[in-house]
Structure formats: C-alpha cells, structure tokens
C-alpha cells in the first residue's frame, strides 16, 4: 500500500512489524503453534496474519527485507514516471502554443 507524504511523493506505508517479527510469526505457525495464539502474542488480527502468509510465506528475513525495498523502489519509480510524463506533456503544450 502506498500513500502520499507531505511533499506529495508516494511513500510506502510503514509496517508496525519488522521483517523478523513477521517471519517469526509465520515460522511459529508452521511449527504447529495455533494461528490464534501467534496472533495473540503479536497483537495482530488473524486476517493480517493470513495476508502475511499469502504474501510472505516461505520467505526468510532477508528475502522479506529485499521485497520491501523493491516495493519502495517501485513506488518511487512510478512517481518519477508520472512526474516526467506530466513535465513532457506541459513542454509539448508550450511548444504547440509557440508555433
């Protein structure tokens, strides 16, 4: 999920949980601890846990951290493409008016 920060740039929503916590929760459930208990220990809802499982299941801390960095970079690049497209369009409009 991305949001606009104060400067108008797209920023990824900061997770309350670290990569280590998410990985630990997923590993606990894989080891046989009931999902309800894992969620209670972390203070997270079961739907959130299952979202993590769908998105990050089978990943280690390193892969999860890398995925988050890539998602942030992707959001930043999308913002740059949008800005450059708008700049290009404005410049083309200026050129048309001068001709």
PDB file of N, CA and C in Angstrom:
ATOM      1  N   UNK A   1       0.849  -1.177   0.000  1.00  0.00           N
ATOM      2  CA  UNK A   1       0.000   0.000   0.000  1.00  0.00           C
ATOM      3  C   UNK A   1       0.894   1.239   0.000  1.00  0.00           C
ATOM      4  N   UNK A   2       0.542   2.233  -0.765  1.00  0.00           N
ATOM      5  CA  UNK A   2       1.328   3.458  -0.796  1.00  0.00           C
ATOM      6  C   UNK A   2       0.437   4.640  -0.454  1.00  0.00           C
ATOM      7  N   UNK A   3       1.064   5.670   0.079  1.00  0.00           N
ATOM      8  CA  UNK A   3       0.362   6.893   0.448  1.00  0.00           C
ATOM      9  C   UNK A   3       1.206   8.076   0.017  1.00  0.00           C
ATOM     10  N   UNK A   4       0.593   9.250  -0.056  1.00  0.00           N
ATOM     11  CA  UNK A   4       1.347  10.455  -0.379  1.00  0.00           C
ATOM     12  C   UNK A   4       1.891  11.046   0.908  1.00  0.00           C
ATOM     13  N   UNK A   5       3.179  11.382   0.894  1.00  0.00           N
ATOM     14  CA  UNK A   5       3.741  12.030   2.074  1.00  0.00           C
ATOM     15  C   UNK A   5       3.556  13.537   1.966  1.00  0.00           C
ATOM     16  N   UNK A   6       4.118  14.293   2.902  1.00  0.00           N
ATOM     17  CA  UNK A   6       3.898  15.741   2.954  1.00  0.00           C
ATOM     18  C   UNK A   6       4.408  16.469   1.716  1.00  0.00           C
ATOM     19  N   UNK A   7       5.417  15.924   1.063  1.00  0.00           N
ATOM     20  CA  UNK A   7       5.951  16.575  -0.128  1.00  0.00           C
ATOM     21  C   UNK A   7       5.206  16.170  -1.391  1.00  0.00           C
ATOM     22  N   UNK A   8       4.205  15.299  -1.242  1.00  0.00           N
ATOM     23  CA  UNK A   8       3.448  14.853  -2.398  1.00  0.00           C
ATOM     24  C   UNK A   8       4.034  13.629  -3.068  1.00  0.00           C
ATOM     25  N   UNK A   9       5.153  13.128  -2.540  1.00  0.00           N
ATOM     26  CA  UNK A   9       5.764  11.935  -3.106  1.00  0.00           C
ATOM     27  C   UNK A   9       5.072  10.696  -2.548  1.00  0.00           C
ATOM     28  N   UNK A  10       5.101   9.652  -3.327  1.00  0.00           N
ATOM     29  CA  UNK A  10       4.495   8.405  -2.871  1.00  0.00           C
ATOM     30  C   UNK A  10       5.431   7.747  -1.874  1.00  0.00           C
ATOM     31  N   UNK A  11       4.883   7.336  -0.742  1.00  0.00           N
ATOM     32  CA  UNK A  11       5.662   6.649   0.279  1.00  0.00           C
ATOM     33  C   UNK A  11       4.929   5.377   0.673  1.00  0.00           C
ATOM     34  N   UNK A  12       5.688   4.337   0.927  1.00  0.00           N
ATOM     35  CA  UNK A  12       5.082   3.087   1.364  1.00  0.00           C
ATOM     36  C   UNK A  12       4.644   3.237   2.815  1.00  0.00           C
ATOM     37  N   UNK A  13       3.497   2.673   3.133  1.00  0.00           N
ATOM     38  CA  UNK A  13       3.006   2.703   4.497  1.00  0.00           C
ATOM     39  C   UNK A  13       3.948   1.883   5.366  1.00  0.00           C
ATOM     40  N   UNK A  14       4.414   2.470   6.446  1.00  0.00           N
ATOM     41  CA  UNK A  14       5.347   1.808   7.345  1.00  0.00           C
ATOM     42  C   UNK A  14       4.627   0.725   8.120  1.00  0.00           C
ATOM     43  N   UNK A  15       5.179  -0.474   8.073  1.00  0.00           N
ATOM     44  CA  UNK A  15       4.606  -1.580   8.820  1.00  0.00           C
ATOM     45  C   UNK A  15       4.970  -1.442  10.290  1.00  0.00           C
ATOM     46  N   UNK A  16       4.042  -1.792  11.119  1.00  0.00           N
ATOM     47  CA  UNK A  16       4.259  -1.771  12.554  1.00  0.00           C
ATOM     48  C   UNK A  16       5.166  -2.916  12.978  1.00  0.00           C
ATOM     49  N   UNK A  17       5.274  -3.908  12.133  1.00  0.00           N
ATOM     50  CA  UNK A  17       6.018  -5.110  12.465  1.00  0.00           C
ATOM     51  C   UNK A  17       7.258  -5.225  11.593  1.00  0.00           C
ATOM     52  N   UNK A  18       8.348  -5.640  12.216  1.00  0.00           N
ATOM     53  CA  UNK A  18       9.605  -5.799  11.483  1.00  0.00           C
ATOM     54  C   UNK A  18       9.567  -7.090  10.664  1.00  0.00           C
ATOM     55  N   UNK A  19      10.509  -7.197   9.761  1.00  0.00           N
ATOM     56  CA  UNK A  19      10.625  -8.410   8.965  1.00  0.00           C
ATOM     57  C   UNK A  19      10.835  -9.619   9.869  1.00  0.00           C
ATOM     58  N   UNK A  20      11.621  -9.419  10.928  1.00  0.00           N
ATOM     59  CA  UNK A  20      11.897 -10.508  11.861  1.00  0.00           C
ATOM     60  C   UNK A  20      10.620 -10.978  12.561  1.00  0.00           C
ATOM     61  N   UNK A  21       9.774 -10.036  12.963  1.00  0.00           N
ATOM     62  CA  UNK A  21       8.532 -10.400  13.646  1.00  0.00           C
ATOM     63  C   UNK A  21       7.584 -11.157  12.716  1.00  0.00           C
ATOM     64  N   UNK A  22       7.471 -10.689  11.490  1.00  0.00           N
ATOM     65  CA  UNK A  22       6.590 -11.355  10.530  1.00  0.00           C
ATOM     66  C   UNK A  22       7.094 -12.768  10.248  1.00  0.00           C
ATOM     67  N   UNK A  23       8.394 -12.891  10.000  1.00  0.00           N
ATOM     68  CA  UNK A  23       8.977 -14.200   9.734  1.00  0.00           C
ATOM     69  C   UNK A  23       8.807 -15.126  10.929  1.00  0.00           C
ATOM     70  N   UNK A  24       9.019 -14.595  12.138  1.00  0.00           N
ATOM     71  CA  UNK A  24       8.854 -15.388  13.354  1.00  0.00           C
ATOM     72  C   UNK A  24       7.423 -15.903  13.468  1.00  0.00           C
ATOM     73  N   UNK A  25       6.452 -15.046  13.221  1.00  0.00           N
ATOM     74  CA  UNK A  25       5.044 -15.441  13.312  1.00  0.00           C
ATOM     75  C   UNK A  25       4.730 -16.560  12.323  1.00  0.00           C
ATOM     76  N   UNK A  26       5.203 -16.417  11.100  1.00  0.00           N
ATOM     77  CA  UNK A  26       4.945 -17.442  10.089  1.00  0.00           C
ATOM     78  C   UNK A  26       5.615 -18.762  10.452  1.00  0.00           C
ATOM     79  N   UNK A  27       6.830 -18.689  10.975  1.00  0.00           N
ATOM     80  CA  UNK A  27       7.558 -19.899  11.377  1.00  0.00           C
ATOM     81  C   UNK A  27       6.877 -20.596  12.560  1.00  0.00           C
ATOM     82  N   UNK A  28       6.361 -19.799  13.497  1.00  0.00           N
ATOM     83  CA  UNK A  28       5.657 -20.378  14.644  1.00  0.00           C
ATOM     84  C   UNK A  28       4.450 -21.185  14.177  1.00  0.00           C
ATOM     85  N   UNK A  29       3.690 -20.619  13.264  1.00  0.00           N
ATOM     86  CA  UNK A  29       2.508 -21.322  12.755  1.00  0.00           C
ATOM     87  C   UNK A  29       2.915 -22.586  11.999  1.00  0.00           C
ATOM     88  N   UNK A  30       4.008 -22.499  11.235  1.00  0.00           N
ATOM     89  CA  UNK A  30       4.498 -23.678  10.518  1.00  0.00           C
ATOM     90  C   UNK A  30       4.935 -24.770  11.487  1.00  0.00           C
ATOM     91  N   UNK A  31       5.423 -24.360  12.667  1.00  0.00           N
ATOM     92  CA  UNK A  31       5.907 -25.313  13.671  1.00  0.00           C
ATOM     93  C   UNK A  31       4.766 -25.940  14.468  1.00  0.00           C
ATOM     94  N   UNK A  32       3.542 -25.498  14.227  1.00  0.00           N
ATOM     95  CA  UNK A  32       2.410 -26.121  14.882  1.00  0.00           C
ATOM     96  C   UNK A  32       1.700 -25.281  15.924  1.00  0.00           C
ATOM     97  N   UNK A  33       2.212 -24.088  16.199  1.00  0.00           N
ATOM     98  CA  UNK A  33       1.526 -23.196  17.138  1.00  0.00           C
ATOM     99  C   UNK A  33       0.255 -22.704  16.454  1.00  0.00           C
ATOM    100  N   UNK A  34      -0.839 -22.689  17.191  1.00  0.00           N
ATOM    101  CA  UNK A  34      -2.111 -22.260  16.607  1.00  0.00           C
ATOM    102  C   UNK A  34      -2.029 -20.798  16.173  1.00  0.00           C
ATOM    103  N   UNK A  35      -2.616 -20.518  15.023  1.00  0.00           N
ATOM    104  CA  UNK A  35      -2.597 -19.165  14.462  1.00  0.00           C
ATOM    105  C   UNK A  35      -3.182 -18.169  15.457  1.00  0.00           C
ATOM    106  N   UNK A  36      -4.250 -18.550  16.113  1.00  0.00           N
ATOM    107  CA  UNK A  36      -4.885 -17.669  17.092  1.00  0.00           C
ATOM    108  C   UNK A  36      -3.892 -17.277  18.192  1.00  0.00           C
ATOM    109  N   UNK A  37      -3.070 -18.231  18.638  1.00  0.00           N
ATOM    110  CA  UNK A  37      -2.078 -17.968  19.689  1.00  0.00           C
ATOM    111  C   UNK A  37      -0.960 -17.064  19.168  1.00  0.00           C
ATOM    112  N   UNK A  38      -0.490 -17.330  17.965  1.00  0.00           N
ATOM    113  CA  UNK A  38       0.555 -16.491  17.361  1.00  0.00           C
ATOM    114  C   UNK A  38       0.053 -15.053  17.243  1.00  0.00           C
ATOM    115  N   UNK A  39      -1.176 -14.894  16.785  1.00  0.00           N
ATOM    116  CA  UNK A  39      -1.764 -13.561  16.616  1.00  0.00           C
ATOM    117  C   UNK A  39      -1.914 -12.857  17.961  1.00  0.00           C
ATOM    118  N   UNK A  40      -2.327 -13.599  18.979  1.00  0.00           N
ATOM    119  CA  UNK A  40      -2.492 -13.013  20.303  1.00  0.00           C
ATOM    120  C   UNK A  40      -1.148 -12.523  20.843  1.00  0.00           C
ATOM    121  N   UNK A  41      -0.100 -13.324  20.661  1.00  0.00           N
ATOM    122  CA  UNK A  41       1.231 -12.949  21.152  1.00  0.00           C
ATOM    123  C   UNK A  41       1.740 -11.672  20.490  1.00  0.00           C
ATOM    124  N   UNK A  42       1.478 -11.527  19.198  1.00  0.00           N
ATOM    125  CA  UNK A  42       1.965 -10.352  18.467  1.00  0.00           C
ATOM    126  C   UNK A  42       1.007  -9.168  18.523  1.00  0.00           C
ATOM    127  N   UNK A  43      -0.229  -9.431  18.891  1.00  0.00           N
ATOM    128  CA  UNK A  43      -1.217  -8.357  18.892  1.00  0.00           C
ATOM    129  C   UNK A  43      -1.657  -7.995  17.489  1.00  0.00           C
ATOM    130  N   UNK A  44      -1.839  -9.010  16.666  1.00  0.00           N
ATOM    131  CA  UNK A  44      -2.227  -8.809  15.272  1.00  0.00           C
ATOM    132  C   UNK A  44      -3.493  -9.628  15.005  1.00  0.00           C
ATOM    133  N   UNK A  45      -4.300  -9.179  14.065  1.00  0.00           N
ATOM    134  CA  UNK A  45      -5.530  -9.905  13.744  1.00  0.00           C
ATOM    135  C   UNK A  45      -5.205 -11.126  12.880  1.00  0.00           C
ATOM    136  N   UNK A  46      -6.102 -12.084  12.913  1.00  0.00           N
ATOM    137  CA  UNK A  46      -5.913 -13.275  12.076  1.00  0.00           C
ATOM    138  C   UNK A  46      -5.918 -12.940  10.582  1.00  0.00           C
ATOM    139  N   UNK A  47      -6.811 -12.034  10.114  1.00  0.00           N
ATOM    140  CA  UNK A  47      -6.728 -11.673   8.685  1.00  0.00           C
ATOM    141  C   UNK A  47      -5.367 -11.091   8.299  1.00  0.00           C
ATOM    142  N   UNK A  48      -4.767 -10.302   9.191  1.00  0.00           N
ATOM    143  CA  UNK A  48      -3.432  -9.763   8.908  1.00  0.00           C
ATOM    144  C   UNK A  48      -2.424 -10.898   8.799  1.00  0.00           C
ATOM    145  N   UNK A  49      -2.501 -11.840   9.723  1.00  0.00           N
ATOM    146  CA  UNK A  49      -1.592 -12.992   9.674  1.00  0.00           C
ATOM    147  C   UNK A  49      -1.729 -13.718   8.338  1.00  0.00           C
ATOM    148  N   UNK A  50      -2.960 -13.974   7.919  1.00  0.00           N
ATOM    149  CA  UNK A  50      -3.162 -14.710   6.666  1.00  0.00           C
ATOM    150  C   UNK A  50      -2.733 -13.883   5.448  1.00  0.00           C
ATOM    151  N   UNK A  51      -2.827 -12.555   5.540  1.00  0.00           N
ATOM    152  CA  UNK A  51      -2.274 -11.701   4.475  1.00  0.00           C
ATOM    153  C   UNK A  51      -0.765 -11.867   4.406  1.00  0.00           C
ATOM    154  N   UNK A  52      -0.114 -11.864   5.579  1.00  0.00           N
ATOM    155  CA  UNK A  52       1.336 -12.089   5.620  1.00  0.00           C
ATOM    156  C   UNK A  52       1.684 -13.439   5.019  1.00  0.00           C
ATOM    157  N   UNK A  53       0.911 -14.444   5.394  1.00  0.00           N
ATOM    158  CA  UNK A  53       1.191 -15.800   4.914  1.00  0.00           C
ATOM    159  C   UNK A  53       1.081 -15.865   3.395  1.00  0.00           C
ATOM    160  N   UNK A  54       0.054 -15.235   2.844  1.00  0.00           N
ATOM    161  CA  UNK A  54      -0.130 -15.238   1.390  1.00  0.00           C
ATOM    162  C   UNK A  54       0.983 -14.471   0.686  1.00  0.00           C
ATOM    163  N   UNK A  55       1.403 -13.368   1.284  1.00  0.00           N
ATOM    164  CA  UNK A  55       2.389 -12.508   0.634  1.00  0.00           C
ATOM    165  C   UNK A  55       3.825 -12.947   0.898  1.00  0.00           C
ATOM    166  N   UNK A  56       4.110 -13.383   2.132  1.00  0.00           N
ATOM    167  CA  UNK A  56       5.492 -13.631   2.538  1.00  0.00           C
ATOM    168  C   UNK A  56       5.793 -15.080   2.886  1.00  0.00           C
ATOM    169  N   UNK A  57       4.813 -15.959   2.783  1.00  0.00           N
ATOM    170  CA  UNK A  57       5.018 -17.354   3.169  1.00  0.00           C
ATOM    171  C   UNK A  57       6.212 -17.967   2.454  1.00  0.00           C
ATOM    172  N   UNK A  58       7.056 -18.652   3.191  1.00  0.00           N
ATOM    173  CA  UNK A  58       8.228 -19.299   2.617  1.00  0.00           C
ATOM    174  C   UNK A  58       9.433 -18.394   2.474  1.00  0.00           C
ATOM    175  N   UNK A  59       9.292 -17.128   2.808  1.00  0.00           N
ATOM    176  CA  UNK A  59      10.419 -16.200   2.708  1.00  0.00           C
ATOM    177  C   UNK A  59      11.149 -16.107   4.040  1.00  0.00           C
ATOM    178  N   UNK A  60      12.436 -15.898   3.947  1.00  0.00           N
ATOM    179  CA  UNK A  60      13.224 -15.617   5.135  1.00  0.00           C
ATOM    180  C   UNK A  60      13.269 -14.116   5.365  1.00  0.00           C
ATOM    181  N   UNK A  61      13.933 -13.718   6.434  1.00  0.00           N
ATOM    182  CA  UNK A  61      14.038 -12.301   6.782  1.00  0.00           C
ATOM    183  C   UNK A  61      14.702 -11.516   5.657  1.00  0.00           C
ATOM    184  N   UNK A  62      15.759 -12.076   5.092  1.00  0.00           N
ATOM    185  CA  UNK A  62      16.498 -11.378   4.035  1.00  0.00           C
ATOM    186  C   UNK A  62      15.632 -11.152   2.803  1.00  0.00           C
ATOM    187  N   UNK A  63      14.903 -12.191   2.405  1.00  0.00           N
ATOM    188  CA  UNK A  63      14.041 -12.048   1.226  1.00  0.00           C
ATOM    189  C   UNK A  63      12.911 -11.065   1.476  1.00  0.00           C
ATOM    190  N   UNK A  64      12.363 -11.111   2.679  1.00  0.00           N
ATOM    191  CA  UNK A  64      11.276 -10.199   3.032  1.00  0.00           C
ATOM    192  C   UNK A  64      11.760  -8.752   3.019  1.00  0.00           C
ATOM    193  N   UNK A  65      12.934  -8.523   3.582  1.00  0.00           N
ATOM    194  CA  UNK A  65      13.509  -7.178   3.592  1.00  0.00           C
ATOM    195  C   UNK A  65      13.752  -6.704   2.158  1.00  0.00           C
ATOM    196  N   UNK A  66      14.283  -7.591   1.323  1.00  0.00           N
ATOM    197  CA  UNK A  66      14.553  -7.253  -0.086  1.00  0.00           C
ATOM    198  C   UNK A  66      13.249  -6.925  -0.815  1.00  0.00           C
ATOM    199  N   UNK A  67      12.199  -7.711  -0.561  1.00  0.00           N
ATOM    200  CA  UNK A  67      10.904  -7.451  -1.187  1.00  0.00           C
ATOM    201  C   UNK A  67      10.382  -6.076  -0.803  1.00  0.00           C
ATOM    202  N   UNK A  68      10.479  -5.736   0.472  1.00  0.00           N
ATOM    203  CA  UNK A  68      10.002  -4.421   0.911  1.00  0.00           C
ATOM    204  C   UNK A  68      10.794  -3.294   0.255  1.00  0.00           C
ATOM    205  N   UNK A  69      12.106  -3.468   0.149  1.00  0.00           N
ATOM    206  CA  UNK A  69      12.920  -2.441  -0.511  1.00  0.00           C
ATOM    207  C   UNK A  69      12.542  -2.304  -1.984  1.00  0.00           C
ATOM    208  N   UNK A  70      12.311  -3.424  -2.645  1.00  0.00           N
ATOM    209  CA  UNK A  70      11.913  -3.377  -4.054  1.00  0.00           C
ATOM    210  C   UNK A  70      10.548  -2.721  -4.232  1.00  0.00           C
ATOM    211  N   UNK A  71       9.627  -2.984  -3.306  1.00  0.00           N
ATOM    212  CA  UNK A  71       8.311  -2.340  -3.378  1.00  0.00           C
ATOM    213  C   UNK A  71       8.437  -0.830  -3.210  1.00  0.00           C
ATOM    214  N   UNK A  72       9.303  -0.396  -2.298  1.00  0.00           N
ATOM    215  CA  UNK A  72       9.516   1.039  -2.100  1.00  0.00           C
ATOM    216  C   UNK A  72      10.144   1.665  -3.341  1.00  0.00           C
ATOM    217  N   UNK A  73      11.139   0.985  -3.903  1.00  0.00           N
ATOM    218  CA  UNK A  73      11.788   1.495  -5.104  1.00  0.00           C
ATOM    219  C   UNK A  73      10.794   1.566  -6.263  1.00  0.00           C
ATOM    220  N   UNK A  74       9.964   0.561  -6.395  1.00  0.00           N
ATOM    221  CA  UNK A  74       8.960   0.534  -7.455  1.00  0.00           C
ATOM    222  C   UNK A  74       7.997   1.711  -7.323  1.00  0.00           C
ATOM    223  N   UNK A  75       7.533   1.982  -6.109  1.00  0.00           N
ATOM    224  CA  UNK A  75       6.627   3.112  -5.887  1.00  0.00           C
ATOM    225  C   UNK A  75       7.314   4.427  -6.246  1.00  0.00           C
ATOM    226  N   UNK A  76       8.581   4.550  -5.874  1.00  0.00           N
ATOM    227  CA  UNK A  76       9.342   5.769  -6.186  1.00  0.00           C
ATOM    228  C   UNK A  76       9.488   5.937  -7.701  1.00  0.00           C
ATOM    229  N   UNK A  77       9.806   4.859  -8.395  1.00  0.00           N
ATOM    230  CA  UNK A  77       9.972   4.936  -9.847  1.00  0.00           C
ATOM    231  C   UNK A  77       8.657   5.248 -10.554  1.00  0.00           C
ATOM    232  N   UNK A  78       7.556   4.702 -10.059  1.00  0.00           N
ATOM    233  CA  UNK A  78       6.252   5.028 -10.636  1.00  0.00           C
ATOM    234  C   UNK A  78       5.956   6.512 -10.491  1.00  0.00           C
ATOM    235  N   UNK A  79       6.297   7.071  -9.345  1.00  0.00           N
ATOM    236  CA  UNK A  79       6.097   8.506  -9.113  1.00  0.00           C
ATOM    237  C   UNK A  79       6.951   9.317 -10.086  1.00  0.00           C
ATOM    238  N   UNK A  80       8.203   8.903 -10.283  1.00  0.00           N
ATOM    239  CA  UNK A  80       9.076   9.603 -11.227  1.00  0.00           C
ATOM    240  C   UNK A  80       8.521   9.552 -12.650  1.00  0.00           C
ATOM    241  N   UNK A  81       8.033   8.404 -13.059  1.00  0.00           N
ATOM    242  CA  UNK A  81       7.457   8.265 -14.403  1.00  0.00           C
ATOM    243  C   UNK A  81       6.261   9.197 -14.554  1.00  0.00           C
ATOM    244  N   UNK A  82       5.419   9.247 -13.537  1.00  0.00           N
ATOM    245  CA  UNK A  82       4.253  10.132 -13.575  1.00  0.00           C
ATOM    246  C   UNK A  82       4.681  11.588 -13.693  1.00  0.00           C
ATOM    247  N   UNK A  83       5.646  11.993 -12.865  1.00  0.00           N
ATOM    248  CA  UNK A  83       6.131  13.374 -12.901  1.00  0.00           C
ATOM    249  C   UNK A  83       6.742  13.721 -14.255  1.00  0.00           C
ATOM    250  N   UNK A  84       7.561  12.824 -14.778  1.00  0.00           N
ATOM    251  CA  UNK A  84       8.204  13.085 -16.067  1.00  0.00           C
ATOM    252  C   UNK A  84       7.186  13.123 -17.204  1.00  0.00           C
ATOM    253  N   UNK A  85       6.176  12.292 -17.125  1.00  0.00           N
ATOM    254  CA  UNK A  85       5.125  12.311 -18.152  1.00  0.00           C
ATOM    255  C   UNK A  85       4.374  13.637 -18.132  1.00  0.00           C
ATOM    256  N   UNK A  86       4.089  14.128 -16.926  1.00  0.00           N
ATOM    257  CA  UNK A  86       3.414  15.427 -16.811  1.00  0.00           C
ATOM    258  C   UNK A  86       4.302  16.555 -17.326  1.00  0.00           C
ATOM    259  N   UNK A  87       5.590  16.515 -16.966  1.00  0.00           N
ATOM    260  CA  UNK A  87       6.530  17.531 -17.457  1.00  0.00           C
ATOM    261  C   UNK A  87       6.590  17.519 -18.982  1.00  0.00           C
ATOM    262  N   UNK A  88       6.662  16.341 -19.553  1.00  0.00           N
ATOM    263  CA  UNK A  88       6.733  16.204 -21.011  1.00  0.00           C
ATOM    264  C   UNK A  88       5.481  16.785 -21.665  1.00  0.00           C
ATOM    265  N   UNK A  89       4.331  16.466 -21.092  1.00  0.00           N
ATOM    266  CA  UNK A  89       3.077  16.968 -21.643  1.00  0.00           C
ATOM    267  C   UNK A  89       3.022  18.493 -21.575  1.00  0.00           C
ATOM    268  N   UNK A  90       3.456  19.061 -20.456  1.00  0.00           N
ATOM    269  CA  UNK A  90       3.461  20.528 -20.322  1.00  0.00           C
ATOM    270  C   UNK A  90       4.396  21.166 -21.347  1.00  0.00           C
ATOM    271  N   UNK A  91       5.568  20.573 -21.549  1.00  0.00           N
ATOM    272  CA  UNK A  91       6.511  21.113 -22.528  1.00  0.00           C
ATOM    273  C   UNK A  91       5.950  21.021 -23.946  1.00  0.00           C
ATOM    274  N   UNK A  92       5.277  19.930 -24.249  1.00  0.00           N
ATOM    275  CA  UNK A  92       4.663  19.798 -25.570  1.00  0.00           C
ATOM    276  C   UNK A  92       3.570  20.842 -25.765  1.00  0.00           C
ATOM    277  N   UNK A  93       2.812  21.126 -24.720  1.00  0.00           N
ATOM    278  CA  UNK A  93       1.773  22.154 -24.803  1.00  0.00           C
ATOM    279  C   UNK A  93       2.382  23.530 -25.044  1.00  0.00           C
ATOM    280  N   UNK A  94       3.494  23.825 -24.386  1.00  0.00           N
ATOM    281  CA  UNK A  94       4.178  25.112 -24.569  1.00  0.00           C
ATOM    282  C   UNK A  94       4.682  25.237 -26.001  1.00  0.00           C
ATOM    283  N   UNK A  95       5.257  24.181 -26.535  1.00  0.00           N
ATOM    284  CA  UNK A  95       5.770  24.199 -27.907  1.00  0.00           C
ATOM    285  C   UNK A  95       4.634  24.436 -28.896  1.00  0.00           C
ATOM    286  N   UNK A  96       3.502  23.799 -28.691  1.00  0.00           N
ATOM    287  CA  UNK A  96       2.355  23.969 -29.588  1.00  0.00           C
ATOM    288  C   UNK A  96       1.856  25.407 -29.569  1.00  0.00           C
ATOM    289  N   UNK A  97       1.856  26.034 -28.407  1.00  0.00           N
ATOM    290  CA  UNK A  97       1.389  27.419 -28.298  1.00  0.00           C
ATOM    291  C   UNK A  97       2.330  28.378 -29.013  1.00  0.00           C
ATOM    292  N   UNK A  98       3.626  28.074 -29.022  1.00  0.00           N
ATOM    293  CA  UNK A  98       4.604  28.949 -29.661  1.00  0.00           C
ATOM    294  C   UNK A  98       4.574  28.815 -31.176  1.00  0.00           C
ATOM    295  N   UNK A  99       4.095  27.705 -31.658  1.00  0.00           N
ATOM    296  CA  UNK A  99       4.066  27.506 -33.117  1.00  0.00           C
ATOM    297  C   UNK A  99       2.818  28.038 -33.668  1.00  0.00           C
TER     298      UNK A  99
END
